[in-house]
Amino acid sequence: MHPDQSLMSLRTEGSPLTADSSNSPAQSTAGAADREHGYGHVTTPLRQRGLGCTVEYGLSEYIVHVGIPDGGSLIISPPQGPSTEHPPGQPESWLVTRGHPDDSAVHEAIYDSEPDGPHAHHGGRVSRLLAAIDSPP
């Protein structure tokens, strides 16, 4: 089950029902910040640059998917693996990969601040991540 979907069991006349609470009025009227899962500080500047962003669940953490003008895409991700203790959207490092517009199987890392990455000295600083995205490939 997706982490932000919760199921609740209801009983009516002895028959169990399952309701998906993700369609509840409270969920559908939640502000954009609630849907960003702590990544508003990443998505807001990208949207201000005219880029479309979505926050999706990756392997073990939320990721940001960004459509870019050349038809390619960016995936902005904290480390995907065993969860570490950090606030949502505030990981210790980031990995940004660019998907090729003509071949969805081709990806290149354009920013890697993971411990062994070329940008490791920047750690989880979003300003450095955004600067890397703004730099031409």
N, C-alpha and C. Protein backbone atom coordinates (compact mmCIF):
# COMPACT_ATOMS: atom_id res chain seq x y z
N MET A 1 0.84 -1.17 0.00
CA MET A 1 0.00 0.00 0.00
C MET A 1 0.89 1.24 0.00
N HIS A 2 0.49 2.26 -0.72
CA HIS A 2 1.20 3.53 -0.79
C HIS A 2 1.17 4.18 0.59
N PRO A 3 2.26 4.77 1.05
CA PRO A 3 2.33 5.27 2.42
C PRO A 3 1.34 6.36 2.77
N ASP A 4 0.87 7.15 1.80
CA ASP A 4 -0.07 8.18 2.20
C ASP A 4 -1.52 7.76 1.91
N GLN A 5 -1.75 6.48 1.73
CA GLN A 5 -3.10 5.95 1.65
C GLN A 5 -3.33 5.11 2.88
N SER A 6 -4.39 5.39 3.56
CA SER A 6 -4.71 4.56 4.71
C SER A 6 -6.05 3.91 4.45
N LEU A 7 -6.17 2.70 4.90
CA LEU A 7 -7.42 1.98 4.75
C LEU A 7 -8.09 1.89 6.10
N MET A 8 -9.39 1.98 6.10
CA MET A 8 -10.11 1.81 7.35
C MET A 8 -11.23 0.82 7.10
N SER A 9 -11.48 -0.02 8.06
CA SER A 9 -12.55 -1.00 7.94
C SER A 9 -13.81 -0.46 8.57
N LEU A 10 -14.90 -0.65 7.87
CA LEU A 10 -16.20 -0.26 8.37
C LEU A 10 -17.09 -1.50 8.37
N ARG A 11 -18.03 -1.54 9.25
CA ARG A 11 -18.97 -2.66 9.26
C ARG A 11 -20.37 -2.10 9.14
N THR A 12 -21.12 -2.70 8.27
CA THR A 12 -22.52 -2.33 8.14
C THR A 12 -23.33 -3.61 8.05
N GLU A 13 -24.18 -3.82 8.98
CA GLU A 13 -25.03 -5.01 9.07
C GLU A 13 -24.21 -6.28 8.95
N GLY A 14 -23.05 -6.31 9.61
CA GLY A 14 -22.24 -7.52 9.65
C GLY A 14 -21.33 -7.71 8.45
N SER A 15 -21.42 -6.88 7.41
CA SER A 15 -20.57 -7.02 6.23
C SER A 15 -19.42 -6.03 6.31
N PRO A 16 -18.17 -6.50 6.22
CA PRO A 16 -17.05 -5.55 6.25
C PRO A 16 -16.95 -4.79 4.93
N LEU A 17 -16.66 -3.52 5.03
CA LEU A 17 -16.41 -2.66 3.87
C LEU A 17 -15.02 -2.08 4.04
N THR A 18 -14.37 -1.76 2.95
CA THR A 18 -13.08 -1.08 3.01
C THR A 18 -13.22 0.25 2.31
N ALA A 19 -12.80 1.29 2.97
CA ALA A 19 -12.88 2.64 2.41
C ALA A 19 -11.48 3.20 2.25
N ASP A 20 -11.22 3.81 1.13
CA ASP A 20 -9.94 4.46 0.89
C ASP A 20 -10.06 5.90 1.35
N SER A 21 -9.39 6.23 2.42
CA SER A 21 -9.52 7.58 2.99
C SER A 21 -8.82 8.64 2.16
N SER A 22 -8.06 8.27 1.13
CA SER A 22 -7.39 9.29 0.32
C SER A 22 -8.39 10.10 -0.49
N ASN A 23 -9.62 9.65 -0.61
CA ASN A 23 -10.63 10.41 -1.33
C ASN A 23 -11.56 11.16 -0.39
N SER A 24 -11.19 11.25 0.86
CA SER A 24 -12.04 11.94 1.82
C SER A 24 -12.02 13.43 1.56
N PRO A 25 -13.07 14.18 1.94
CA PRO A 25 -13.09 15.62 1.71
C PRO A 25 -11.89 16.33 2.33
N ALA A 26 -11.46 15.90 3.49
CA ALA A 26 -10.31 16.56 4.12
C ALA A 26 -9.07 16.41 3.26
N GLN A 27 -8.87 15.24 2.66
CA GLN A 27 -7.71 15.01 1.82
C GLN A 27 -7.80 15.83 0.53
N SER A 28 -8.98 15.87 -0.09
CA SER A 28 -9.10 16.55 -1.36
C SER A 28 -9.01 18.07 -1.22
N THR A 29 -9.27 18.60 -0.04
CA THR A 29 -9.17 20.04 0.15
C THR A 29 -7.87 20.45 0.83
N ALA A 30 -7.00 19.50 1.05
CA ALA A 30 -5.72 19.82 1.68
C ALA A 30 -4.94 20.76 0.79
N GLY A 31 -4.16 21.64 1.40
CA GLY A 31 -3.37 22.59 0.63
C GLY A 31 -2.25 21.91 -0.12
N ALA A 32 -1.69 22.62 -1.08
CA ALA A 32 -0.62 22.08 -1.89
C ALA A 32 0.56 21.66 -1.02
N ALA A 33 0.82 22.38 0.05
CA ALA A 33 1.94 22.03 0.91
C ALA A 33 1.78 20.63 1.49
N ASP A 34 0.56 20.25 1.81
CA ASP A 34 0.33 18.90 2.33
C ASP A 34 0.64 17.84 1.28
N ARG A 35 0.36 18.13 0.02
CA ARG A 35 0.61 17.17 -1.06
C ARG A 35 2.08 17.13 -1.46
N GLU A 36 2.86 18.08 -1.02
CA GLU A 36 4.27 18.14 -1.38
C GLU A 36 5.14 17.25 -0.48
N HIS A 37 4.60 16.72 0.59
CA HIS A 37 5.31 15.79 1.47
C HIS A 37 6.64 16.35 1.96
N GLY A 38 6.68 17.65 2.23
CA GLY A 38 7.89 18.27 2.75
C GLY A 38 8.83 18.79 1.68
N TYR A 39 8.45 18.72 0.42
CA TYR A 39 9.33 19.13 -0.67
C TYR A 39 8.97 20.48 -1.28
N GLY A 40 8.14 21.25 -0.64
CA GLY A 40 7.76 22.56 -1.16
C GLY A 40 8.95 23.46 -1.40
N HIS A 41 9.98 23.37 -0.57
CA HIS A 41 11.18 24.20 -0.75
C HIS A 41 11.96 23.81 -2.00
N VAL A 42 11.67 22.64 -2.57
CA VAL A 42 12.29 22.22 -3.83
C VAL A 42 11.34 22.52 -4.99
N THR A 43 10.07 22.17 -4.84
CA THR A 43 9.12 22.32 -5.95
C THR A 43 8.75 23.78 -6.24
N THR A 44 8.62 24.60 -5.22
CA THR A 44 8.22 25.99 -5.43
C THR A 44 9.20 26.74 -6.33
N PRO A 45 10.51 26.71 -6.05
CA PRO A 45 11.44 27.41 -6.95
C PRO A 45 11.44 26.84 -8.37
N LEU A 46 11.23 25.53 -8.50
CA LEU A 46 11.20 24.94 -9.83
C LEU A 46 9.95 25.39 -10.59
N ARG A 47 8.82 25.45 -9.90
CA ARG A 47 7.60 25.94 -10.54
C ARG A 47 7.72 27.41 -10.90
N GLN A 48 8.43 28.18 -10.08
CA GLN A 48 8.66 29.59 -10.39
C GLN A 48 9.50 29.75 -11.66
N ARG A 49 10.26 28.71 -11.98
CA ARG A 49 11.05 28.70 -13.22
C ARG A 49 10.22 28.19 -14.40
N GLY A 50 8.95 27.90 -14.17
CA GLY A 50 8.06 27.43 -15.23
C GLY A 50 8.08 25.94 -15.46
N LEU A 51 8.64 25.18 -14.53
CA LEU A 51 8.73 23.73 -14.69
C LEU A 51 7.60 23.03 -13.93
N GLY A 52 7.02 22.03 -14.53
CA GLY A 52 5.98 21.25 -13.87
C GLY A 52 6.60 20.19 -12.98
N CYS A 53 6.10 20.06 -11.76
CA CYS A 53 6.66 19.12 -10.79
C CYS A 53 5.55 18.28 -10.17
N THR A 54 5.89 17.05 -9.86
CA THR A 54 5.03 16.21 -9.04
C THR A 54 5.89 15.55 -7.99
N VAL A 55 5.29 15.27 -6.86
CA VAL A 55 5.98 14.56 -5.79
C VAL A 55 5.35 13.18 -5.74
N GLU A 56 6.18 12.16 -5.87
CA GLU A 56 5.73 10.78 -5.94
C GLU A 56 6.54 9.95 -4.95
N TYR A 57 6.03 8.78 -4.63
CA TYR A 57 6.78 7.90 -3.73
C TYR A 57 7.73 7.05 -4.55
N GLY A 58 9.01 7.07 -4.19
CA GLY A 58 10.03 6.27 -4.87
C GLY A 58 10.14 4.90 -4.21
N LEU A 59 11.36 4.41 -4.08
CA LEU A 59 11.57 3.10 -3.48
C LEU A 59 11.37 3.12 -1.97
N SER A 60 11.84 4.18 -1.33
CA SER A 60 11.71 4.26 0.13
C SER A 60 11.50 5.68 0.64
N GLU A 61 11.54 6.64 -0.24
CA GLU A 61 11.37 8.05 0.10
C GLU A 61 10.59 8.71 -1.03
N TYR A 62 10.05 9.89 -0.75
CA TYR A 62 9.40 10.66 -1.81
C TYR A 62 10.45 11.23 -2.75
N ILE A 63 10.09 11.37 -4.03
CA ILE A 63 10.96 11.94 -5.04
C ILE A 63 10.18 13.04 -5.77
N VAL A 64 10.92 13.92 -6.43
CA VAL A 64 10.30 14.98 -7.23
C VAL A 64 10.57 14.66 -8.70
N HIS A 65 9.50 14.62 -9.47
CA HIS A 65 9.60 14.40 -10.92
C HIS A 65 9.34 15.74 -11.59
N VAL A 66 10.27 16.15 -12.47
CA VAL A 66 10.21 17.47 -13.10
C VAL A 66 10.25 17.31 -14.61
N GLY A 67 9.27 17.87 -15.31
CA GLY A 67 9.32 17.92 -16.76
C GLY A 67 10.14 19.11 -17.19
N ILE A 68 11.05 18.91 -18.15
CA ILE A 68 11.90 20.01 -18.60
C ILE A 68 11.58 20.33 -20.07
N PRO A 69 11.88 21.57 -20.50
CA PRO A 69 11.44 22.04 -21.82
C PRO A 69 11.89 21.20 -23.02
N ASP A 70 13.02 20.50 -22.94
CA ASP A 70 13.48 19.73 -24.09
C ASP A 70 12.74 18.39 -24.23
N GLY A 71 11.76 18.16 -23.37
CA GLY A 71 11.00 16.91 -23.42
C GLY A 71 11.55 15.85 -22.50
N GLY A 72 12.68 16.10 -21.88
CA GLY A 72 13.26 15.17 -20.93
C GLY A 72 12.63 15.38 -19.56
N SER A 73 13.22 14.77 -18.57
CA SER A 73 12.71 14.92 -17.21
C SER A 73 13.86 14.83 -16.23
N LEU A 74 13.59 15.34 -15.04
CA LEU A 74 14.53 15.23 -13.93
C LEU A 74 13.86 14.44 -12.82
N ILE A 75 14.64 13.63 -12.16
CA ILE A 75 14.20 12.97 -10.93
C ILE A 75 15.12 13.49 -9.83
N ILE A 76 14.52 14.14 -8.84
CA ILE A 76 15.26 14.67 -7.69
C ILE A 76 14.92 13.78 -6.52
N SER A 77 15.94 13.18 -5.95
CA SER A 77 15.70 12.13 -4.99
C SER A 77 16.68 12.17 -3.83
N PRO A 78 16.17 11.94 -2.62
CA PRO A 78 17.09 11.66 -1.52
C PRO A 78 17.57 10.22 -1.71
N PRO A 79 18.53 9.77 -0.93
CA PRO A 79 18.97 8.38 -1.06
C PRO A 79 17.78 7.43 -0.93
N GLN A 80 17.69 6.47 -1.84
CA GLN A 80 16.62 5.48 -1.80
C GLN A 80 17.23 4.21 -1.19
N GLY A 81 16.81 3.89 -0.05
CA GLY A 81 17.34 2.73 0.65
C GLY A 81 16.77 2.74 2.04
N PRO A 82 17.47 2.09 2.94
CA PRO A 82 16.96 2.12 4.31
C PRO A 82 16.77 3.56 4.78
N SER A 83 15.64 3.81 5.37
CA SER A 83 15.30 5.15 5.81
C SER A 83 16.28 5.66 6.85
N THR A 84 16.61 6.94 6.72
CA THR A 84 17.47 7.58 7.71
C THR A 84 16.62 8.55 8.52
N GLU A 85 17.13 8.97 9.63
CA GLU A 85 16.41 9.91 10.49
C GLU A 85 16.64 11.33 10.00
N HIS A 86 15.68 11.85 9.27
CA HIS A 86 15.73 13.24 8.82
C HIS A 86 14.30 13.72 8.64
N PRO A 87 14.08 15.02 8.77
CA PRO A 87 12.74 15.55 8.54
C PRO A 87 12.32 15.33 7.09
N PRO A 88 11.03 15.21 6.81
CA PRO A 88 10.58 15.03 5.43
C PRO A 88 11.10 16.17 4.53
N GLY A 89 11.64 15.78 3.39
CA GLY A 89 12.14 16.76 2.44
C GLY A 89 13.48 17.38 2.80
N GLN A 90 14.10 16.93 3.89
CA GLN A 90 15.38 17.50 4.34
C GLN A 90 16.44 16.39 4.46
N PRO A 91 16.73 15.68 3.38
CA PRO A 91 17.70 14.59 3.48
C PRO A 91 19.13 15.11 3.63
N GLU A 92 20.01 14.21 3.92
CA GLU A 92 21.42 14.55 4.08
C GLU A 92 22.11 14.75 2.73
N SER A 93 21.50 14.24 1.66
CA SER A 93 22.08 14.39 0.33
C SER A 93 20.98 14.24 -0.72
N TRP A 94 21.33 14.58 -1.98
CA TRP A 94 20.39 14.52 -3.10
C TRP A 94 21.06 13.87 -4.31
N LEU A 95 20.24 13.26 -5.14
CA LEU A 95 20.68 12.78 -6.44
C LEU A 95 19.69 13.31 -7.47
N VAL A 96 20.21 13.98 -8.50
CA VAL A 96 19.36 14.48 -9.58
C VAL A 96 19.80 13.78 -10.85
N THR A 97 18.87 13.07 -11.47
CA THR A 97 19.16 12.42 -12.73
C THR A 97 18.29 13.03 -13.82
N ARG A 98 18.85 13.12 -14.99
CA ARG A 98 18.14 13.68 -16.15
C ARG A 98 17.83 12.54 -17.10
N GLY A 99 16.54 12.41 -17.42
CA GLY A 99 16.12 11.43 -18.41
C GLY A 99 16.22 12.03 -19.79
N HIS A 100 16.78 11.30 -20.73
CA HIS A 100 16.96 11.76 -22.10
C HIS A 100 15.60 11.89 -22.79
N PRO A 101 15.36 12.97 -23.53
CA PRO A 101 14.06 13.16 -24.15
C PRO A 101 13.72 12.14 -25.24
N ASP A 102 14.73 11.55 -25.88
CA ASP A 102 14.48 10.61 -26.97
C ASP A 102 14.60 9.15 -26.57
N ASP A 103 15.15 8.89 -25.41
CA ASP A 103 15.34 7.50 -24.98
C ASP A 103 15.15 7.41 -23.47
N SER A 104 13.99 6.93 -23.06
CA SER A 104 13.66 6.90 -21.63
C SER A 104 14.55 5.96 -20.82
N ALA A 105 15.34 5.12 -21.49
CA ALA A 105 16.25 4.23 -20.78
C ALA A 105 17.58 4.91 -20.44
N VAL A 106 17.83 6.09 -21.01
CA VAL A 106 19.09 6.79 -20.79
C VAL A 106 18.90 7.85 -19.72
N HIS A 107 19.70 7.75 -18.66
CA HIS A 107 19.69 8.72 -17.57
C HIS A 107 21.12 9.13 -17.26
N GLU A 108 21.29 10.40 -16.94
CA GLU A 108 22.61 10.86 -16.51
C GLU A 108 22.47 11.63 -15.20
N ALA A 109 23.41 11.41 -14.32
CA ALA A 109 23.41 12.14 -13.05
C ALA A 109 23.95 13.54 -13.32
N ILE A 110 23.16 14.55 -12.94
CA ILE A 110 23.65 15.92 -13.11
C ILE A 110 24.02 16.55 -11.76
N TYR A 111 23.63 15.89 -10.68
CA TYR A 111 23.99 16.38 -9.35
C TYR A 111 23.95 15.19 -8.41
N ASP A 112 25.00 15.02 -7.63
CA ASP A 112 25.07 13.88 -6.72
C ASP A 112 25.82 14.32 -5.46
N SER A 113 25.05 14.61 -4.40
CA SER A 113 25.69 15.01 -3.15
C SER A 113 25.68 13.88 -2.13
N GLU A 114 25.46 12.64 -2.62
CA GLU A 114 25.55 11.49 -1.72
C GLU A 114 26.99 11.37 -1.24
N PRO A 115 27.24 10.64 -0.15
CA PRO A 115 28.58 10.63 0.46
C PRO A 115 29.76 10.40 -0.48
N ASP A 116 29.61 9.56 -1.50
CA ASP A 116 30.71 9.31 -2.43
C ASP A 116 30.55 10.08 -3.74
N GLY A 117 29.57 10.97 -3.82
CA GLY A 117 29.30 11.70 -5.06
C GLY A 117 30.20 12.90 -5.23
N PRO A 118 30.29 13.41 -6.46
CA PRO A 118 31.16 14.56 -6.74
C PRO A 118 30.73 15.85 -6.04
N HIS A 119 29.50 15.92 -5.59
CA HIS A 119 29.01 17.12 -4.90
C HIS A 119 28.76 16.86 -3.42
N ALA A 120 29.39 15.84 -2.88
CA ALA A 120 29.16 15.43 -1.49
C ALA A 120 29.36 16.56 -0.49
N HIS A 121 30.27 17.47 -0.78
CA HIS A 121 30.56 18.56 0.15
C HIS A 121 29.38 19.52 0.30
N HIS A 122 28.39 19.45 -0.60
CA HIS A 122 27.20 20.29 -0.50
C HIS A 122 26.11 19.65 0.35
N GLY A 123 26.22 18.35 0.59
CA GLY A 123 25.24 17.67 1.43
C GLY A 123 23.81 17.87 0.93
N GLY A 124 22.91 18.19 1.84
CA GLY A 124 21.50 18.33 1.50
C GLY A 124 21.07 19.74 1.16
N ARG A 125 22.01 20.64 0.85
CA ARG A 125 21.66 22.03 0.55
C ARG A 125 20.89 22.15 -0.76
N VAL A 126 19.67 22.62 -0.67
CA VAL A 126 18.81 22.76 -1.84
C VAL A 126 19.32 23.85 -2.77
N SER A 127 19.93 24.89 -2.25
CA SER A 127 20.42 25.98 -3.10
C SER A 127 21.44 25.45 -4.11
N ARG A 128 22.29 24.53 -3.70
CA ARG A 128 23.30 23.95 -4.60
C ARG A 128 22.64 23.02 -5.62
N LEU A 129 21.64 22.29 -5.18
CA LEU A 129 20.88 21.41 -6.07
C LEU A 129 20.23 22.25 -7.16
N LEU A 130 19.57 23.34 -6.80
CA LEU A 130 18.90 24.21 -7.77
C LEU A 130 19.90 24.86 -8.72
N ALA A 131 21.06 25.24 -8.21
CA ALA A 131 22.09 25.83 -9.06
C ALA A 131 22.56 24.83 -10.11
N ALA A 132 22.68 23.56 -9.73
CA ALA A 132 23.08 22.52 -10.68
C ALA A 132 22.01 22.33 -11.76
N ILE A 133 20.76 22.42 -11.38
CA ILE A 133 19.66 22.28 -12.34
C ILE A 133 19.65 23.47 -13.30
N ASP A 134 19.96 24.66 -12.80
CA ASP A 134 19.95 25.86 -13.61
C ASP A 134 21.13 25.91 -14.59
N SER A 135 22.22 25.17 -14.29
CA SER A 135 23.40 25.17 -15.16
C SER A 135 23.11 24.35 -16.41
N PRO A 136 23.55 24.84 -17.57
CA PRO A 136 23.34 24.05 -18.78
C PRO A 136 24.13 22.75 -18.72
N PRO A 137 23.59 21.69 -19.34
CA PRO A 137 24.31 20.39 -19.31
C PRO A 137 25.61 20.43 -20.06
